[in-house]
Amino acid sequence: MRFGLVAATAALFAAAPAVAHPKLVSATPAPNAVVASPAKLQLTFSEGLVAKFSGVDLVMTDMPGMKMSSPMKMTVTVALAADGKTVVVTLAKPLPRGAYKLDWHVVSTDTHRVEGSYAFKVK
């Protein structure tokens, strides 16, 4: 009986598919960084992504010397780099000084969706 239980448990784990999710490996600018106005933003993930289902939202959350009633959405263009793992965010114009929040969502080639966010500042 004991052997049957061990064999059944082993079969259960062997039959289960591997569950992997894309992980954010690096970001430019990095989370919580204070940088000069970047020309573009890059997010690199641990596995291949599906461009059609991956994207970002960039909002300015604070501007020095100006009272903001709500975050201001920034205009960006999002593309997937040739490596298939890097999301490249091109800015419509240079980011002014202030604080920003970047919300991202990606779908890996095996259809797992992951999302996250981080903040950075432009000096």
PDB file of N, CA and C in Angstrom:
ATOM      1  N   MET A   1       0.821  -1.179   0.000  1.00  0.00           N
ATOM      2  CA  MET A   1       0.000   0.000   0.000  1.00  0.00           C
ATOM      3  C   MET A   1       0.874   1.255   0.000  1.00  0.00           C
ATOM      4  N   ARG A   2       1.938   1.245   0.782  1.00  0.00           N
ATOM      5  CA  ARG A   2       2.822   2.401   0.870  1.00  0.00           C
ATOM      6  C   ARG A   2       3.464   2.684  -0.492  1.00  0.00           C
ATOM      7  N   PHE A   3       3.896   1.635  -1.190  1.00  0.00           N
ATOM      8  CA  PHE A   3       4.501   1.808  -2.503  1.00  0.00           C
ATOM      9  C   PHE A   3       3.501   2.443  -3.469  1.00  0.00           C
ATOM     10  N   GLY A   4       2.244   2.030  -3.396  1.00  0.00           N
ATOM     11  CA  GLY A   4       1.198   2.569  -4.280  1.00  0.00           C
ATOM     12  C   GLY A   4       0.991   4.057  -4.046  1.00  0.00           C
ATOM     13  N   LEU A   5       1.027   4.489  -2.795  1.00  0.00           N
ATOM     14  CA  LEU A   5       0.867   5.904  -2.467  1.00  0.00           C
ATOM     15  C   LEU A   5       2.039   6.716  -2.990  1.00  0.00           C
ATOM     16  N   VAL A   6       3.253   6.226  -2.812  1.00  0.00           N
ATOM     17  CA  VAL A   6       4.450   6.907  -3.311  1.00  0.00           C
ATOM     18  C   VAL A   6       4.410   6.967  -4.837  1.00  0.00           C
ATOM     19  N   ALA A   7       4.048   5.877  -5.489  1.00  0.00           N
ATOM     20  CA  ALA A   7       3.985   5.845  -6.959  1.00  0.00           C
ATOM     21  C   ALA A   7       2.910   6.806  -7.473  1.00  0.00           C
ATOM     22  N   ALA A   8       1.764   6.872  -6.811  1.00  0.00           N
ATOM     23  CA  ALA A   8       0.687   7.766  -7.236  1.00  0.00           C
ATOM     24  C   ALA A   8       1.105   9.226  -7.075  1.00  0.00           C
ATOM     25  N   THR A   9       1.773   9.538  -5.969  1.00  0.00           N
ATOM     26  CA  THR A   9       2.254  10.907  -5.735  1.00  0.00           C
ATOM     27  C   THR A   9       3.296  11.294  -6.776  1.00  0.00           C
ATOM     28  N   ALA A  10       4.215  10.407  -7.072  1.00  0.00           N
ATOM     29  CA  ALA A  10       5.242  10.680  -8.076  1.00  0.00           C
ATOM     30  C   ALA A  10       4.614  10.884  -9.447  1.00  0.00           C
ATOM     31  N   ALA A  11       3.617  10.099  -9.784  1.00  0.00           N
ATOM     32  CA  ALA A  11       2.943  10.229 -11.078  1.00  0.00           C
ATOM     33  C   ALA A  11       2.212  11.564 -11.180  1.00  0.00           C
ATOM     34  N   LEU A  12       1.631  12.003 -10.086  1.00  0.00           N
ATOM     35  CA  LEU A  12       0.921  13.277 -10.071  1.00  0.00           C
ATOM     36  C   LEU A  12       1.882  14.428 -10.379  1.00  0.00           C
ATOM     37  N   PHE A  13       3.030  14.441  -9.727  1.00  0.00           N
ATOM     38  CA  PHE A  13       4.006  15.510  -9.956  1.00  0.00           C
ATOM     39  C   PHE A  13       4.651  15.404 -11.333  1.00  0.00           C
ATOM     40  N   ALA A  14       4.856  14.221 -11.823  1.00  0.00           N
ATOM     41  CA  ALA A  14       5.464  14.042 -13.143  1.00  0.00           C
ATOM     42  C   ALA A  14       4.507  14.494 -14.245  1.00  0.00           C
ATOM     43  N   ALA A  15       3.201  14.333 -14.033  1.00  0.00           N
ATOM     44  CA  ALA A  15       2.218  14.698 -15.040  1.00  0.00           C
ATOM     45  C   ALA A  15       1.918  16.194 -15.044  1.00  0.00           C
ATOM     46  N   ALA A  16       2.216  16.886 -13.949  1.00  0.00           N
ATOM     47  CA  ALA A  16       1.913  18.320 -13.872  1.00  0.00           C
ATOM     48  C   ALA A  16       2.837  19.103 -14.797  1.00  0.00           C
ATOM     49  N   PRO A  17       2.282  20.023 -15.583  1.00  0.00           N
ATOM     50  CA  PRO A  17       3.122  20.819 -16.478  1.00  0.00           C
ATOM     51  C   PRO A  17       3.980  21.798 -15.684  1.00  0.00           C
ATOM     52  N   ALA A  18       5.113  22.148 -16.243  1.00  0.00           N
ATOM     53  CA  ALA A  18       5.977  23.136 -15.607  1.00  0.00           C
ATOM     54  C   ALA A  18       5.284  24.485 -15.708  1.00  0.00           C
ATOM     55  N   VAL A  19       5.213  25.182 -14.597  1.00  0.00           N
ATOM     56  CA  VAL A  19       4.567  26.485 -14.570  1.00  0.00           C
ATOM     57  C   VAL A  19       5.647  27.543 -14.439  1.00  0.00           C
ATOM     58  N   ALA A  20       5.847  28.292 -15.509  1.00  0.00           N
ATOM     59  CA  ALA A  20       6.850  29.352 -15.502  1.00  0.00           C
ATOM     60  C   ALA A  20       6.157  30.654 -15.839  1.00  0.00           C
ATOM     61  N   HIS A  21       6.664  31.712 -15.316  1.00  0.00           N
ATOM     62  CA  HIS A  21       6.140  33.036 -15.589  1.00  0.00           C
ATOM     63  C   HIS A  21       7.298  33.936 -15.949  1.00  0.00           C
ATOM     64  N   PRO A  22       7.092  34.871 -16.874  1.00  0.00           N
ATOM     65  CA  PRO A  22       8.176  35.796 -17.185  1.00  0.00           C
ATOM     66  C   PRO A  22       8.478  36.664 -15.971  1.00  0.00           C
ATOM     67  N   LYS A  23       9.747  36.843 -15.713  1.00  0.00           N
ATOM     68  CA  LYS A  23      10.179  37.674 -14.585  1.00  0.00           C
ATOM     69  C   LYS A  23      10.950  38.859 -15.138  1.00  0.00           C
ATOM     70  N   LEU A  24      10.752  40.018 -14.533  1.00  0.00           N
ATOM     71  CA  LEU A  24      11.501  41.201 -14.919  1.00  0.00           C
ATOM     72  C   LEU A  24      12.941  41.003 -14.477  1.00  0.00           C
ATOM     73  N   VAL A  25      13.859  40.965 -15.433  1.00  0.00           N
ATOM     74  CA  VAL A  25      15.278  40.730 -15.158  1.00  0.00           C
ATOM     75  C   VAL A  25      16.022  42.046 -14.970  1.00  0.00           C
ATOM     76  N   SER A  26      15.712  43.042 -15.821  1.00  0.00           N
ATOM     77  CA  SER A  26      16.354  44.349 -15.688  1.00  0.00           C
ATOM     78  C   SER A  26      15.453  45.418 -16.277  1.00  0.00           C
ATOM     79  N   ALA A  27      15.668  46.653 -15.822  1.00  0.00           N
ATOM     80  CA  ALA A  27      14.886  47.779 -16.308  1.00  0.00           C
ATOM     81  C   ALA A  27      15.777  49.008 -16.389  1.00  0.00           C
ATOM     82  N   THR A  28      15.553  49.813 -17.436  1.00  0.00           N
ATOM     83  CA  THR A  28      16.272  51.066 -17.601  1.00  0.00           C
ATOM     84  C   THR A  28      15.244  52.146 -17.869  1.00  0.00           C
ATOM     85  N   PRO A  29      15.085  53.127 -17.000  1.00  0.00           N
ATOM     86  CA  PRO A  29      15.773  53.257 -15.726  1.00  0.00           C
ATOM     87  C   PRO A  29      15.315  52.191 -14.729  1.00  0.00           C
ATOM     88  N   ALA A  30      16.167  51.953 -13.761  1.00  0.00           N
ATOM     89  CA  ALA A  30      15.893  50.941 -12.737  1.00  0.00           C
ATOM     90  C   ALA A  30      14.831  51.445 -11.761  1.00  0.00           C
ATOM     91  N   PRO A  31      14.143  50.527 -11.089  1.00  0.00           N
ATOM     92  CA  PRO A  31      13.190  50.935 -10.058  1.00  0.00           C
ATOM     93  C   PRO A  31      13.863  51.851  -9.022  1.00  0.00           C
ATOM     94  N   ASN A  32      13.170  52.918  -8.665  1.00  0.00           N
ATOM     95  CA  ASN A  32      13.596  53.900  -7.668  1.00  0.00           C
ATOM     96  C   ASN A  32      14.830  54.705  -8.062  1.00  0.00           C
ATOM     97  N   ALA A  33      15.243  54.630  -9.318  1.00  0.00           N
ATOM     98  CA  ALA A  33      16.407  55.389  -9.790  1.00  0.00           C
ATOM     99  C   ALA A  33      16.052  56.866  -9.949  1.00  0.00           C
ATOM    100  N   VAL A  34      17.088  57.699  -9.875  1.00  0.00           N
ATOM    101  CA  VAL A  34      16.977  59.115 -10.202  1.00  0.00           C
ATOM    102  C   VAL A  34      17.910  59.317 -11.380  1.00  0.00           C
ATOM    103  N   VAL A  35      17.341  59.695 -12.535  1.00  0.00           N
ATOM    104  CA  VAL A  35      18.100  59.733 -13.789  1.00  0.00           C
ATOM    105  C   VAL A  35      17.892  61.049 -14.532  1.00  0.00           C
ATOM    106  N   ALA A  36      18.793  61.327 -15.464  1.00  0.00           N
ATOM    107  CA  ALA A  36      18.562  62.402 -16.422  1.00  0.00           C
ATOM    108  C   ALA A  36      17.445  61.925 -17.349  1.00  0.00           C
ATOM    109  N   SER A  37      16.804  62.829 -18.043  1.00  0.00           N
ATOM    110  CA  SER A  37      15.685  62.456 -18.902  1.00  0.00           C
ATOM    111  C   SER A  37      16.093  61.375 -19.907  1.00  0.00           C
ATOM    112  N   PRO A  38      15.505  60.179 -19.808  1.00  0.00           N
ATOM    113  CA  PRO A  38      15.888  59.090 -20.712  1.00  0.00           C
ATOM    114  C   PRO A  38      15.296  59.267 -22.106  1.00  0.00           C
ATOM    115  N   ALA A  39      15.975  58.755 -23.107  1.00  0.00           N
ATOM    116  CA  ALA A  39      15.474  58.775 -24.484  1.00  0.00           C
ATOM    117  C   ALA A  39      14.450  57.661 -24.703  1.00  0.00           C
ATOM    118  N   LYS A  40      14.637  56.554 -23.973  1.00  0.00           N
ATOM    119  CA  LYS A  40      13.712  55.427 -24.055  1.00  0.00           C
ATOM    120  C   LYS A  40      13.803  54.637 -22.763  1.00  0.00           C
ATOM    121  N   LEU A  41      12.850  53.774 -22.552  1.00  0.00           N
ATOM    122  CA  LEU A  41      12.823  52.882 -21.392  1.00  0.00           C
ATOM    123  C   LEU A  41      12.915  51.463 -21.915  1.00  0.00           C
ATOM    124  N   GLN A  42      13.552  50.574 -21.153  1.00  0.00           N
ATOM    125  CA  GLN A  42      13.655  49.173 -21.563  1.00  0.00           C
ATOM    126  C   GLN A  42      13.385  48.262 -20.383  1.00  0.00           C
ATOM    127  N   LEU A  43      12.598  47.247 -20.627  1.00  0.00           N
ATOM    128  CA  LEU A  43      12.292  46.221 -19.622  1.00  0.00           C
ATOM    129  C   LEU A  43      12.655  44.874 -20.228  1.00  0.00           C
ATOM    130  N   THR A  44      13.571  44.164 -19.599  1.00  0.00           N
ATOM    131  CA  THR A  44      13.996  42.861 -20.109  1.00  0.00           C
ATOM    132  C   THR A  44      13.463  41.766 -19.193  1.00  0.00           C
ATOM    133  N   PHE A  45      12.887  40.743 -19.820  1.00  0.00           N
ATOM    134  CA  PHE A  45      12.252  39.655 -19.086  1.00  0.00           C
ATOM    135  C   PHE A  45      13.000  38.342 -19.287  1.00  0.00           C
ATOM    136  N   SER A  46      12.667  37.359 -18.458  1.00  0.00           N
ATOM    137  CA  SER A  46      13.380  36.081 -18.434  1.00  0.00           C
ATOM    138  C   SER A  46      12.999  35.136 -19.567  1.00  0.00           C
ATOM    139  N   GLU A  47      11.945  35.432 -20.286  1.00  0.00           N
ATOM    140  CA  GLU A  47      11.542  34.550 -21.378  1.00  0.00           C
ATOM    141  C   GLU A  47      10.873  35.341 -22.487  1.00  0.00           C
ATOM    142  N   GLY A  48      10.657  34.697 -23.620  1.00  0.00           N
ATOM    143  CA  GLY A  48      10.063  35.337 -24.777  1.00  0.00           C
ATOM    144  C   GLY A  48       8.659  35.854 -24.501  1.00  0.00           C
ATOM    145  N   LEU A  49       8.319  36.981 -25.145  1.00  0.00           N
ATOM    146  CA  LEU A  49       7.036  37.634 -24.916  1.00  0.00           C
ATOM    147  C   LEU A  49       6.216  37.698 -26.206  1.00  0.00           C
ATOM    148  N   VAL A  50       4.925  37.912 -26.051  1.00  0.00           N
ATOM    149  CA  VAL A  50       4.028  38.129 -27.175  1.00  0.00           C
ATOM    150  C   VAL A  50       3.753  39.634 -27.225  1.00  0.00           C
ATOM    151  N   ALA A  51       4.267  40.300 -28.250  1.00  0.00           N
ATOM    152  CA  ALA A  51       4.168  41.759 -28.358  1.00  0.00           C
ATOM    153  C   ALA A  51       2.720  42.243 -28.320  1.00  0.00           C
ATOM    154  N   LYS A  52       1.853  41.554 -29.003  1.00  0.00           N
ATOM    155  CA  LYS A  52       0.449  41.951 -29.116  1.00  0.00           C
ATOM    156  C   LYS A  52      -0.246  42.076 -27.757  1.00  0.00           C
ATOM    157  N   PHE A  53       0.191  41.307 -26.777  1.00  0.00           N
ATOM    158  CA  PHE A  53      -0.468  41.281 -25.474  1.00  0.00           C
ATOM    159  C   PHE A  53       0.388  41.889 -24.362  1.00  0.00           C
ATOM    160  N   SER A  54       1.453  42.587 -24.716  1.00  0.00           N
ATOM    161  CA  SER A  54       2.352  43.180 -23.725  1.00  0.00           C
ATOM    162  C   SER A  54       2.365  44.693 -23.902  1.00  0.00           C
ATOM    163  N   GLY A  55       2.472  45.422 -22.809  1.00  0.00           N
ATOM    164  CA  GLY A  55       2.473  46.870 -22.923  1.00  0.00           C
ATOM    165  C   GLY A  55       2.814  47.563 -21.623  1.00  0.00           C
ATOM    166  N   VAL A  56       2.804  48.890 -21.666  1.00  0.00           N
ATOM    167  CA  VAL A  56       3.106  49.707 -20.491  1.00  0.00           C
ATOM    168  C   VAL A  56       2.195  50.934 -20.465  1.00  0.00           C
ATOM    169  N   ASP A  57       2.042  51.481 -19.279  1.00  0.00           N
ATOM    170  CA  ASP A  57       1.440  52.792 -19.061  1.00  0.00           C
ATOM    171  C   ASP A  57       2.436  53.575 -18.226  1.00  0.00           C
ATOM    172  N   LEU A  58       2.752  54.772 -18.664  1.00  0.00           N
ATOM    173  CA  LEU A  58       3.684  55.634 -17.945  1.00  0.00           C
ATOM    174  C   LEU A  58       2.936  56.886 -17.542  1.00  0.00           C
ATOM    175  N   VAL A  59       2.954  57.204 -16.247  1.00  0.00           N
ATOM    176  CA  VAL A  59       2.299  58.415 -15.755  1.00  0.00           C
ATOM    177  C   VAL A  59       3.268  59.224 -14.909  1.00  0.00           C
ATOM    178  N   MET A  60       3.139  60.545 -15.009  1.00  0.00           N
ATOM    179  CA  MET A  60       3.889  61.450 -14.136  1.00  0.00           C
ATOM    180  C   MET A  60       3.048  61.614 -12.879  1.00  0.00           C
ATOM    181  N   THR A  61       3.652  61.343 -11.727  1.00  0.00           N
ATOM    182  CA  THR A  61       2.917  61.415 -10.470  1.00  0.00           C
ATOM    183  C   THR A  61       3.224  62.673  -9.676  1.00  0.00           C
ATOM    184  N   ASP A  62       4.327  63.353 -10.003  1.00  0.00           N
ATOM    185  CA  ASP A  62       4.691  64.578  -9.288  1.00  0.00           C
ATOM    186  C   ASP A  62       5.625  65.410 -10.157  1.00  0.00           C
ATOM    187  N   MET A  63       5.376  66.722 -10.176  1.00  0.00           N
ATOM    188  CA  MET A  63       6.240  67.642 -10.903  1.00  0.00           C
ATOM    189  C   MET A  63       6.673  68.734  -9.935  1.00  0.00           C
ATOM    190  N   PRO A  64       7.994  68.948  -9.797  1.00  0.00           N
ATOM    191  CA  PRO A  64       8.473  69.964  -8.864  1.00  0.00           C
ATOM    192  C   PRO A  64       7.856  71.336  -9.160  1.00  0.00           C
ATOM    193  N   GLY A  65       7.341  72.001  -8.109  1.00  0.00           N
ATOM    194  CA  GLY A  65       6.790  73.340  -8.247  1.00  0.00           C
ATOM    195  C   GLY A  65       5.389  73.396  -8.818  1.00  0.00           C
ATOM    196  N   MET A  66       4.768  72.263  -9.021  1.00  0.00           N
ATOM    197  CA  MET A  66       3.422  72.256  -9.611  1.00  0.00           C
ATOM    198  C   MET A  66       2.522  71.309  -8.828  1.00  0.00           C
ATOM    199  N   LYS A  67       1.347  71.776  -8.464  1.00  0.00           N
ATOM    200  CA  LYS A  67       0.397  70.915  -7.771  1.00  0.00           C
ATOM    201  C   LYS A  67      -0.356  70.105  -8.823  1.00  0.00           C
ATOM    202  N   MET A  68      -0.293  68.804  -8.705  1.00  0.00           N
ATOM    203  CA  MET A  68      -0.969  67.929  -9.658  1.00  0.00           C
ATOM    204  C   MET A  68      -2.225  67.353  -9.005  1.00  0.00           C
ATOM    205  N   SER A  69      -3.357  67.486  -9.674  1.00  0.00           N
ATOM    206  CA  SER A  69      -4.606  66.955  -9.126  1.00  0.00           C
ATOM    207  C   SER A  69      -4.732  65.459  -9.385  1.00  0.00           C
ATOM    208  N   SER A  70      -4.095  64.985 -10.461  1.00  0.00           N
ATOM    209  CA  SER A  70      -4.099  63.556 -10.759  1.00  0.00           C
ATOM    210  C   SER A  70      -2.880  63.244 -11.620  1.00  0.00           C
ATOM    211  N   PRO A  71      -2.472  61.977 -11.670  1.00  0.00           N
ATOM    212  CA  PRO A  71      -1.318  61.616 -12.507  1.00  0.00           C
ATOM    213  C   PRO A  71      -1.568  61.981 -13.971  1.00  0.00           C
ATOM    214  N   MET A  72      -0.506  62.370 -14.663  1.00  0.00           N
ATOM    215  CA  MET A  72      -0.597  62.761 -16.064  1.00  0.00           C
ATOM    216  C   MET A  72      -0.020  61.644 -16.932  1.00  0.00           C
ATOM    217  N   LYS A  73      -0.859  61.096 -17.801  1.00  0.00           N
ATOM    218  CA  LYS A  73      -0.418  60.007 -18.674  1.00  0.00           C
ATOM    219  C   LYS A  73       0.537  60.541 -19.735  1.00  0.00           C
ATOM    220  N   MET A  74       1.642  59.829 -19.951  1.00  0.00           N
ATOM    221  CA  MET A  74       2.641  60.211 -20.933  1.00  0.00           C
ATOM    222  C   MET A  74       2.405  59.400 -22.210  1.00  0.00           C
ATOM    223  N   THR A  75       2.649  60.027 -23.358  1.00  0.00           N
ATOM    224  CA  THR A  75       2.472  59.357 -24.640  1.00  0.00           C
ATOM    225  C   THR A  75       3.729  58.546 -24.965  1.00  0.00           C
ATOM    226  N   VAL A  76       3.536  57.265 -25.195  1.00  0.00           N
ATOM    227  CA  VAL A  76       4.655  56.364 -25.494  1.00  0.00           C
ATOM    228  C   VAL A  76       4.283  55.418 -26.624  1.00  0.00           C
ATOM    229  N   THR A  77       5.321  54.860 -27.240  1.00  0.00           N
ATOM    230  CA  THR A  77       5.158  53.799 -28.217  1.00  0.00           C
ATOM    231  C   THR A  77       5.892  52.581 -27.674  1.00  0.00           C
ATOM    232  N   VAL A  78       5.252  51.428 -27.728  1.00  0.00           N
ATOM    233  CA  VAL A  78       5.829  50.202 -27.163  1.00  0.00           C
ATOM    234  C   VAL A  78       6.099  49.208 -28.280  1.00  0.00           C
ATOM    235  N   ALA A  79       7.307  48.617 -28.255  1.00  0.00           N
ATOM    236  CA  ALA A  79       7.678  47.593 -29.234  1.00  0.00           C
ATOM    237  C   ALA A  79       8.495  46.514 -28.542  1.00  0.00           C
ATOM    238  N   LEU A  80       8.551  45.366 -29.163  1.00  0.00           N
ATOM    239  CA  LEU A  80       9.359  44.262 -28.660  1.00  0.00           C
ATOM    240  C   LEU A  80      10.672  44.244 -29.435  1.00  0.00           C
ATOM    241  N   ALA A  81      11.792  44.196 -28.722  1.00  0.00           N
ATOM    242  CA  ALA A  81      13.114  44.162 -29.357  1.00  0.00           C
ATOM    243  C   ALA A  81      13.314  42.829 -30.079  1.00  0.00           C
ATOM    244  N   ALA A  82      14.345  42.776 -30.899  1.00  0.00           N
ATOM    245  CA  ALA A  82      14.641  41.582 -31.703  1.00  0.00           C
ATOM    246  C   ALA A  82      14.880  40.343 -30.847  1.00  0.00           C
ATOM    247  N   ASP A  83      15.346  40.513 -29.594  1.00  0.00           N
ATOM    248  CA  ASP A  83      15.596  39.346 -28.745  1.00  0.00           C
ATOM    249  C   ASP A  83      14.313  38.677 -28.269  1.00  0.00           C
ATOM    250  N   GLY A  84      13.158  39.344 -28.456  1.00  0.00           N
ATOM    251  CA  GLY A  84      11.880  38.774 -28.057  1.00  0.00           C
ATOM    252  C   GLY A  84      11.602  38.826 -26.571  1.00  0.00           C
ATOM    253  N   LYS A  85      12.546  39.352 -25.787  1.00  0.00           N
ATOM    254  CA  LYS A  85      12.409  39.396 -24.328  1.00  0.00           C
ATOM    255  C   LYS A  85      12.417  40.815 -23.770  1.00  0.00           C
ATOM    256  N   THR A  86      12.720  41.798 -24.620  1.00  0.00           N
ATOM    257  CA  THR A  86      12.875  43.173 -24.144  1.00  0.00           C
ATOM    258  C   THR A  86      11.779  44.063 -24.711  1.00  0.00           C
ATOM    259  N   VAL A  87      11.062  44.718 -23.814  1.00  0.00           N
ATOM    260  CA  VAL A  87      10.054  45.693 -24.189  1.00  0.00           C
ATOM    261  C   VAL A  87      10.759  47.046 -24.262  1.00  0.00           C
ATOM    262  N   VAL A  88      10.654  47.718 -25.412  1.00  0.00           N
ATOM    263  CA  VAL A  88      11.278  49.024 -25.614  1.00  0.00           C
ATOM    264  C   VAL A  88      10.171  50.068 -25.669  1.00  0.00           C
ATOM    265  N   VAL A  89      10.287  51.059 -24.790  1.00  0.00           N
ATOM    266  CA  VAL A  89       9.296  52.125 -24.696  1.00  0.00           C
ATOM    267  C   VAL A  89       9.940  53.395 -25.233  1.00  0.00           C
ATOM    268  N   THR A  90       9.420  53.892 -26.345  1.00  0.00           N
ATOM    269  CA  THR A  90       9.919  55.125 -26.942  1.00  0.00           C
ATOM    270  C   THR A  90       9.006  56.264 -26.509  1.00  0.00           C
ATOM    271  N   LEU A  91       9.620  57.336 -26.050  1.00  0.00           N
ATOM    272  CA  LEU A  91       8.873  58.482 -25.536  1.00  0.00           C
ATOM    273  C   LEU A  91       8.553  59.459 -26.663  1.00  0.00           C
ATOM    274  N   ALA A  92       7.356  60.034 -26.635  1.00  0.00           N
ATOM    275  CA  ALA A  92       6.961  61.011 -27.647  1.00  0.00           C
ATOM    276  C   ALA A  92       7.816  62.268 -27.551  1.00  0.00           C
ATOM    277  N   LYS A  93       8.225  62.622 -26.330  1.00  0.00           N
ATOM    278  CA  LYS A  93       9.111  63.758 -26.098  1.00  0.00           C
ATOM    279  C   LYS A  93       9.870  63.496 -24.805  1.00  0.00           C
ATOM    280  N   PRO A  94      10.984  64.204 -24.586  1.00  0.00           N
ATOM    281  CA  PRO A  94      11.762  63.970 -23.361  1.00  0.00           C
ATOM    282  C   PRO A  94      10.909  64.190 -22.111  1.00  0.00           C
ATOM    283  N   LEU A  95      11.157  63.363 -21.112  1.00  0.00           N
ATOM    284  CA  LEU A  95      10.403  63.483 -19.865  1.00  0.00           C
ATOM    285  C   LEU A  95      10.899  64.685 -19.072  1.00  0.00           C
ATOM    286  N   PRO A  96       9.981  65.535 -18.616  1.00  0.00           N
ATOM    287  CA  PRO A  96      10.399  66.641 -17.760  1.00  0.00           C
ATOM    288  C   PRO A  96      10.737  66.143 -16.351  1.00  0.00           C
ATOM    289  N   ARG A  97      11.400  67.030 -15.604  1.00  0.00           N
ATOM    290  CA  ARG A  97      11.722  66.685 -14.206  1.00  0.00           C
ATOM    291  C   ARG A  97      10.456  66.287 -13.470  1.00  0.00           C
ATOM    292  N   GLY A  98      10.578  65.255 -12.654  1.00  0.00           N
ATOM    293  CA  GLY A  98       9.431  64.826 -11.869  1.00  0.00           C
ATOM    294  C   GLY A  98       9.517  63.361 -11.492  1.00  0.00           C
ATOM    295  N   ALA A  99       8.445  62.880 -10.890  1.00  0.00           N
ATOM    296  CA  ALA A  99       8.345  61.487 -10.463  1.00  0.00           C
ATOM    297  C   ALA A  99       7.393  60.749 -11.402  1.00  0.00           C
ATOM    298  N   TYR A 100       7.737  59.495 -11.693  1.00  0.00           N
ATOM    299  CA  TYR A 100       6.975  58.703 -12.652  1.00  0.00           C
ATOM    300  C   TYR A 100       6.661  57.315 -12.087  1.00  0.00           C
ATOM    301  N   LYS A 101       5.556  56.774 -12.574  1.00  0.00           N
ATOM    302  CA  LYS A 101       5.198  55.391 -12.260  1.00  0.00           C
ATOM    303  C   LYS A 101       5.003  54.668 -13.583  1.00  0.00           C
ATOM    304  N   LEU A 102       5.659  53.529 -13.711  1.00  0.00           N
ATOM    305  CA  LEU A 102       5.554  52.701 -14.902  1.00  0.00           C
ATOM    306  C   LEU A 102       4.815  51.421 -14.533  1.00  0.00           C
ATOM    307  N   ASP A 103       3.648  51.219 -15.139  1.00  0.00           N
ATOM    308  CA  ASP A 103       2.878  49.980 -14.969  1.00  0.00           C
ATOM    309  C   ASP A 103       3.105  49.151 -16.220  1.00  0.00           C
ATOM    310  N   TRP A 104       3.474  47.883 -16.051  1.00  0.00           N
ATOM    311  CA  TRP A 104       3.721  47.023 -17.202  1.00  0.00           C
ATOM    312  C   TRP A 104       2.924  45.734 -17.081  1.00  0.00           C
ATOM    313  N   HIS A 105       2.633  45.160 -18.228  1.00  0.00           N
ATOM    314  CA  HIS A 105       2.020  43.833 -18.292  1.00  0.00           C
ATOM    315  C   HIS A 105       2.609  43.122 -19.504  1.00  0.00           C
ATOM    316  N   VAL A 106       2.930  41.873 -19.322  1.00  0.00           N
ATOM    317  CA  VAL A 106       3.491  41.082 -20.411  1.00  0.00           C
ATOM    318  C   VAL A 106       2.850  39.706 -20.429  1.00  0.00           C
ATOM    319  N   VAL A 107       2.828  39.120 -21.623  1.00  0.00           N
ATOM    320  CA  VAL A 107       2.361  37.745 -21.792  1.00  0.00           C
ATOM    321  C   VAL A 107       3.503  36.984 -22.446  1.00  0.00           C
ATOM    322  N   SER A 108       3.894  35.891 -21.814  1.00  0.00           N
ATOM    323  CA  SER A 108       4.987  35.088 -22.359  1.00  0.00           C
ATOM    324  C   SER A 108       4.482  34.215 -23.497  1.00  0.00           C
ATOM    325  N   THR A 109       5.410  33.648 -24.242  1.00  0.00           N
ATOM    326  CA  THR A 109       5.042  32.811 -25.384  1.00  0.00           C
ATOM    327  C   THR A 109       4.261  31.566 -24.967  1.00  0.00           C
ATOM    328  N   ASP A 110       4.333  31.198 -23.693  1.00  0.00           N
ATOM    329  CA  ASP A 110       3.511  30.070 -23.227  1.00  0.00           C
ATOM    330  C   ASP A 110       2.219  30.558 -22.563  1.00  0.00           C
ATOM    331  N   THR A 111       1.828  31.799 -22.847  1.00  0.00           N
ATOM    332  CA  THR A 111       0.555  32.440 -22.482  1.00  0.00           C
ATOM    333  C   THR A 111       0.400  32.853 -21.019  1.00  0.00           C
ATOM    334  N   HIS A 112       1.451  32.884 -20.250  1.00  0.00           N
ATOM    335  CA  HIS A 112       1.332  33.363 -18.874  1.00  0.00           C
ATOM    336  C   HIS A 112       1.404  34.888 -18.844  1.00  0.00           C
ATOM    337  N   ARG A 113       0.439  35.527 -18.204  1.00  0.00           N
ATOM    338  CA  ARG A 113       0.397  36.988 -18.066  1.00  0.00           C
ATOM    339  C   ARG A 113       0.936  37.375 -16.699  1.00  0.00           C
ATOM    340  N   VAL A 114       1.806  38.380 -16.705  1.00  0.00           N
ATOM    341  CA  VAL A 114       2.385  38.902 -15.466  1.00  0.00           C
ATOM    342  C   VAL A 114       2.334  40.419 -15.555  1.00  0.00           C
ATOM    343  N   GLU A 115       2.145  41.060 -14.434  1.00  0.00           N
ATOM    344  CA  GLU A 115       2.146  42.522 -14.422  1.00  0.00           C
ATOM    345  C   GLU A 115       2.873  43.036 -13.196  1.00  0.00           C
ATOM    346  N   GLY A 116       3.276  44.279 -13.277  1.00  0.00           N
ATOM    347  CA  GLY A 116       3.973  44.900 -12.163  1.00  0.00           C
ATOM    348  C   GLY A 116       4.106  46.388 -12.399  1.00  0.00           C
ATOM    349  N   SER A 117       4.756  47.052 -11.480  1.00  0.00           N
ATOM    350  CA  SER A 117       4.973  48.473 -11.626  1.00  0.00           C
ATOM    351  C   SER A 117       6.156  48.888 -10.784  1.00  0.00           C
ATOM    352  N   TYR A 118       6.704  50.032 -11.126  1.00  0.00           N
ATOM    353  CA  TYR A 118       7.751  50.620 -10.311  1.00  0.00           C
ATOM    354  C   TYR A 118       7.816  52.119 -10.577  1.00  0.00           C
ATOM    355  N   ALA A 119       8.515  52.821  -9.704  1.00  0.00           N
ATOM    356  CA  ALA A 119       8.624  54.268  -9.807  1.00  0.00           C
ATOM    357  C   ALA A 119      10.075  54.654 -10.066  1.00  0.00           C
ATOM    358  N   PHE A 120      10.260  55.818 -10.690  1.00  0.00           N
ATOM    359  CA  PHE A 120      11.581  56.413 -10.860  1.00  0.00           C
ATOM    360  C   PHE A 120      11.397  57.923 -10.963  1.00  0.00           C
ATOM    361  N   LYS A 121      12.509  58.654 -10.856  1.00  0.00           N
ATOM    362  CA  LYS A 121      12.465  60.110 -10.938  1.00  0.00           C
ATOM    363  C   LYS A 121      13.407  60.611 -12.013  1.00  0.00           C
ATOM    364  N   VAL A 122      13.019  61.727 -12.639  1.00  0.00           N
ATOM    365  CA  VAL A 122      13.869  62.416 -13.599  1.00  0.00           C
ATOM    366  C   VAL A 122      14.326  63.698 -12.926  1.00  0.00           C
ATOM    367  N   LYS A 123      15.656  63.896 -12.911  1.00  0.00           N
ATOM    368  CA  LYS A 123      16.208  65.087 -12.244  1.00  0.00           C
ATOM    369  C   LYS A 123      16.349  66.267 -13.176  1.00  0.00           C
TER     370      LYS A 123
END
